[in-house]
N, C-alpha and C. Protein backbone atom coordinates (compact mmCIF):
# COMPACT_ATOMS: atom_id res chain seq x y z
N UNK A 1 6.73 -17.62 -18.51
CA UNK A 1 6.85 -16.57 -17.48
C UNK A 1 6.24 -15.29 -18.04
N UNK A 2 6.07 -15.12 -19.28
CA UNK A 2 5.52 -13.87 -19.86
C UNK A 2 4.01 -13.65 -19.38
N UNK A 3 3.40 -14.77 -18.88
CA UNK A 3 2.01 -14.66 -18.66
C UNK A 3 1.69 -14.20 -17.20
N UNK A 4 2.73 -14.03 -16.60
CA UNK A 4 2.51 -13.54 -15.11
C UNK A 4 1.87 -12.19 -15.01
N UNK A 5 1.12 -11.93 -14.01
CA UNK A 5 0.31 -10.69 -13.81
C UNK A 5 0.31 -10.41 -12.33
N UNK A 6 0.60 -9.17 -12.05
CA UNK A 6 0.57 -8.68 -10.54
C UNK A 6 -0.90 -8.68 -10.16
N UNK A 7 -1.23 -9.13 -9.07
CA UNK A 7 -2.65 -8.99 -8.54
C UNK A 7 -2.80 -8.09 -7.45
N UNK A 8 -1.70 -7.71 -6.78
CA UNK A 8 -1.70 -6.85 -5.57
C UNK A 8 -0.54 -5.91 -5.66
N UNK A 9 -0.77 -4.75 -4.94
CA UNK A 9 0.29 -3.91 -4.71
C UNK A 9 0.40 -3.56 -3.25
N UNK A 10 1.59 -3.91 -2.63
CA UNK A 10 1.54 -3.91 -1.09
C UNK A 10 2.96 -3.19 -0.89
N UNK A 11 2.83 -2.11 0.06
CA UNK A 11 4.18 -1.53 0.54
C UNK A 11 4.07 -1.73 1.99
N UNK A 12 5.39 -2.14 2.57
CA UNK A 12 5.48 -2.21 4.05
C UNK A 12 6.39 -1.15 4.50
N UNK A 13 5.98 -0.54 5.66
CA UNK A 13 6.95 0.34 6.25
C UNK A 13 6.78 0.35 7.86
N UNK A 14 7.92 0.54 8.52
CA UNK A 14 7.95 0.55 9.98
C UNK A 14 7.03 1.61 10.55
N UNK A 15 7.14 2.64 9.91
CA UNK A 15 6.31 3.90 10.46
C UNK A 15 5.99 4.66 9.24
N UNK A 16 4.79 5.52 9.36
CA UNK A 16 4.26 6.35 8.24
C UNK A 16 4.13 7.73 8.84
N UNK A 17 5.06 8.77 8.25
CA UNK A 17 4.97 10.04 8.80
C UNK A 17 5.19 11.12 7.77
N UNK A 18 5.14 12.30 8.01
CA UNK A 18 5.23 13.32 7.17
C UNK A 18 6.50 13.38 6.29
N UNK A 19 7.50 12.74 6.99
CA UNK A 19 8.81 12.75 6.22
C UNK A 19 8.97 11.57 5.08
N UNK A 20 8.27 10.39 5.40
CA UNK A 20 8.30 9.33 4.43
C UNK A 20 7.19 8.99 3.63
N UNK A 21 5.92 9.55 4.01
CA UNK A 21 4.77 9.23 3.31
C UNK A 21 4.80 9.24 1.77
N UNK A 22 5.34 10.45 1.37
CA UNK A 22 5.31 10.67 -0.03
C UNK A 22 6.16 9.62 -0.76
N UNK A 23 7.13 9.19 -0.13
CA UNK A 23 8.08 8.13 -0.78
C UNK A 23 7.33 6.78 -0.87
N UNK A 24 6.66 6.45 0.39
CA UNK A 24 6.00 5.14 0.50
C UNK A 24 4.90 5.08 -0.48
N UNK A 25 3.99 6.08 -0.36
CA UNK A 25 2.87 6.01 -1.40
C UNK A 25 3.10 6.22 -2.74
N UNK A 26 4.30 6.98 -3.12
CA UNK A 26 4.54 7.34 -4.48
C UNK A 26 5.11 5.97 -5.04
N UNK A 27 5.89 5.21 -4.30
CA UNK A 27 6.26 4.04 -4.95
C UNK A 27 5.11 3.06 -5.10
N UNK A 28 4.25 3.01 -4.26
CA UNK A 28 3.14 2.17 -4.56
C UNK A 28 2.24 2.58 -5.80
N UNK A 29 2.01 3.73 -5.89
CA UNK A 29 1.27 4.33 -7.00
C UNK A 29 1.99 3.97 -8.21
N UNK A 30 3.32 4.05 -8.23
CA UNK A 30 4.11 3.80 -9.43
C UNK A 30 3.90 2.28 -9.93
N UNK A 31 3.95 1.44 -8.92
CA UNK A 31 3.64 0.01 -9.34
C UNK A 31 2.23 -0.17 -9.72
N UNK A 32 1.32 0.44 -9.07
CA UNK A 32 -0.16 0.22 -9.36
C UNK A 32 -0.55 0.75 -10.80
N UNK A 33 0.15 1.85 -11.19
CA UNK A 33 -0.04 2.28 -12.47
C UNK A 33 0.68 1.42 -13.53
N UNK A 34 1.75 0.91 -13.29
CA UNK A 34 2.42 0.06 -14.21
C UNK A 34 1.74 -1.23 -14.41
N UNK A 35 1.24 -1.87 -13.42
CA UNK A 35 0.42 -3.11 -13.43
C UNK A 35 -0.88 -3.06 -13.60
N UNK A 36 -1.53 -1.66 -13.64
CA UNK A 36 -3.04 -1.55 -13.81
C UNK A 36 -3.70 -2.03 -12.70
N UNK A 37 -3.26 -1.88 -11.42
CA UNK A 37 -3.89 -2.35 -10.16
C UNK A 37 -4.58 -1.13 -9.55
N UNK A 38 -5.88 -1.23 -9.25
CA UNK A 38 -6.80 -0.24 -8.70
C UNK A 38 -6.70 0.03 -7.34
N UNK A 39 -6.26 -0.90 -6.53
CA UNK A 39 -6.32 -0.78 -5.09
C UNK A 39 -4.86 -1.22 -4.48
N UNK A 40 -4.29 -0.38 -3.60
CA UNK A 40 -3.08 -0.65 -3.09
C UNK A 40 -3.22 -0.74 -1.52
N UNK A 41 -2.15 -1.28 -0.88
CA UNK A 41 -2.34 -1.46 0.50
C UNK A 41 -0.91 -1.10 1.14
N UNK A 42 -0.93 -0.35 2.21
CA UNK A 42 0.31 0.17 2.91
C UNK A 42 0.26 -0.39 4.25
N UNK A 43 1.07 -1.47 4.59
CA UNK A 43 1.05 -2.07 5.86
C UNK A 43 2.14 -1.31 6.81
N UNK A 44 1.68 -0.91 7.96
CA UNK A 44 2.49 -0.10 8.82
C UNK A 44 2.66 -0.84 10.12
N UNK A 45 3.96 -1.05 10.59
CA UNK A 45 4.18 -1.78 11.80
C UNK A 45 3.29 -1.24 13.05
N UNK A 46 3.35 -0.07 13.16
CA UNK A 46 2.66 0.51 14.50
C UNK A 46 1.55 1.58 14.20
N UNK A 47 0.61 1.10 13.42
CA UNK A 47 -0.48 2.05 12.94
C UNK A 47 -1.61 1.89 14.01
N UNK A 48 -2.08 3.08 14.47
CA UNK A 48 -3.02 3.22 15.49
C UNK A 48 -4.35 3.11 14.88
N UNK A 49 -4.69 3.73 13.65
CA UNK A 49 -5.96 3.82 13.10
C UNK A 49 -5.80 3.58 11.71
N UNK A 50 -6.65 2.82 11.09
CA UNK A 50 -6.61 2.42 9.58
C UNK A 50 -7.50 3.44 8.84
N UNK A 51 -6.84 3.79 7.68
CA UNK A 51 -7.61 4.82 6.95
C UNK A 51 -7.57 4.30 5.53
N UNK A 52 -8.19 4.99 4.52
CA UNK A 52 -8.36 4.77 3.17
C UNK A 52 -8.45 6.05 2.48
N UNK A 53 -7.62 6.28 1.38
CA UNK A 53 -7.75 7.62 0.65
C UNK A 53 -7.54 7.21 -0.85
N UNK A 54 -7.92 8.25 -1.69
CA UNK A 54 -7.64 8.14 -3.16
C UNK A 54 -6.44 8.94 -3.46
N UNK A 55 -5.54 8.52 -4.32
CA UNK A 55 -4.32 9.24 -4.66
C UNK A 55 -4.15 8.85 -6.19
N UNK A 56 -4.14 9.82 -6.99
CA UNK A 56 -4.16 9.60 -8.58
C UNK A 56 -5.12 8.63 -8.87
N UNK A 57 -6.37 8.72 -8.38
CA UNK A 57 -7.49 7.85 -8.85
C UNK A 57 -7.34 6.47 -8.45
N UNK A 58 -6.41 6.27 -7.63
CA UNK A 58 -6.18 4.80 -7.04
C UNK A 58 -6.48 4.79 -5.56
N UNK A 59 -7.05 3.73 -5.12
CA UNK A 59 -7.57 3.61 -3.82
C UNK A 59 -6.46 2.89 -2.89
N UNK A 60 -6.04 3.65 -1.86
CA UNK A 60 -4.94 3.21 -0.99
C UNK A 60 -5.55 2.95 0.36
N UNK A 61 -5.12 1.79 1.03
CA UNK A 61 -5.66 1.36 2.24
C UNK A 61 -4.54 1.43 3.30
N UNK A 62 -4.42 1.95 4.29
CA UNK A 62 -3.35 1.95 5.26
C UNK A 62 -3.80 1.05 6.46
N UNK A 63 -3.15 0.01 6.67
CA UNK A 63 -3.59 -1.01 7.66
C UNK A 63 -2.39 -1.49 8.60
N UNK A 64 -2.69 -1.70 9.75
CA UNK A 64 -1.78 -2.17 10.74
C UNK A 64 -1.12 -3.50 10.35
N UNK A 65 0.20 -3.62 10.20
CA UNK A 65 1.04 -4.89 9.75
C UNK A 65 0.45 -6.00 10.82
N UNK A 66 0.45 -5.87 12.00
CA UNK A 66 0.01 -6.94 13.02
C UNK A 66 -1.34 -7.51 12.68
N UNK A 67 -2.31 -6.56 12.54
CA UNK A 67 -3.50 -6.94 12.29
C UNK A 67 -3.68 -7.78 10.95
N UNK A 68 -3.06 -7.37 9.85
CA UNK A 68 -2.98 -8.06 8.68
C UNK A 68 -2.45 -9.57 8.59
N UNK A 69 -1.21 -9.65 9.67
CA UNK A 69 -0.61 -10.82 9.77
C UNK A 69 -1.55 -11.89 10.62
N UNK A 70 -2.35 -11.29 11.49
CA UNK A 70 -3.21 -12.20 12.30
C UNK A 70 -4.42 -12.55 11.55
N UNK A 71 -4.83 -11.81 10.49
CA UNK A 71 -5.84 -12.17 9.60
C UNK A 71 -5.51 -13.40 8.71
N UNK A 72 -4.47 -13.41 8.30
CA UNK A 72 -3.96 -14.43 7.22
C UNK A 72 -3.75 -15.71 8.06
């Protein structure tokens, strides 16, 4: 069990707004730093426009949950 390694960091939220953005992104960044993951994903239930940004030298992509589920 000690050989397990995280390959992705994904945060899922119903909505992303100014009230919860710091919490959602902050938690994701914390996990990414702990497991040395360079790119994270925030899945948002009702996201109109996908975006990407750098936070603490980590790449964060914001994607519609529905779109992601349909891709898989």
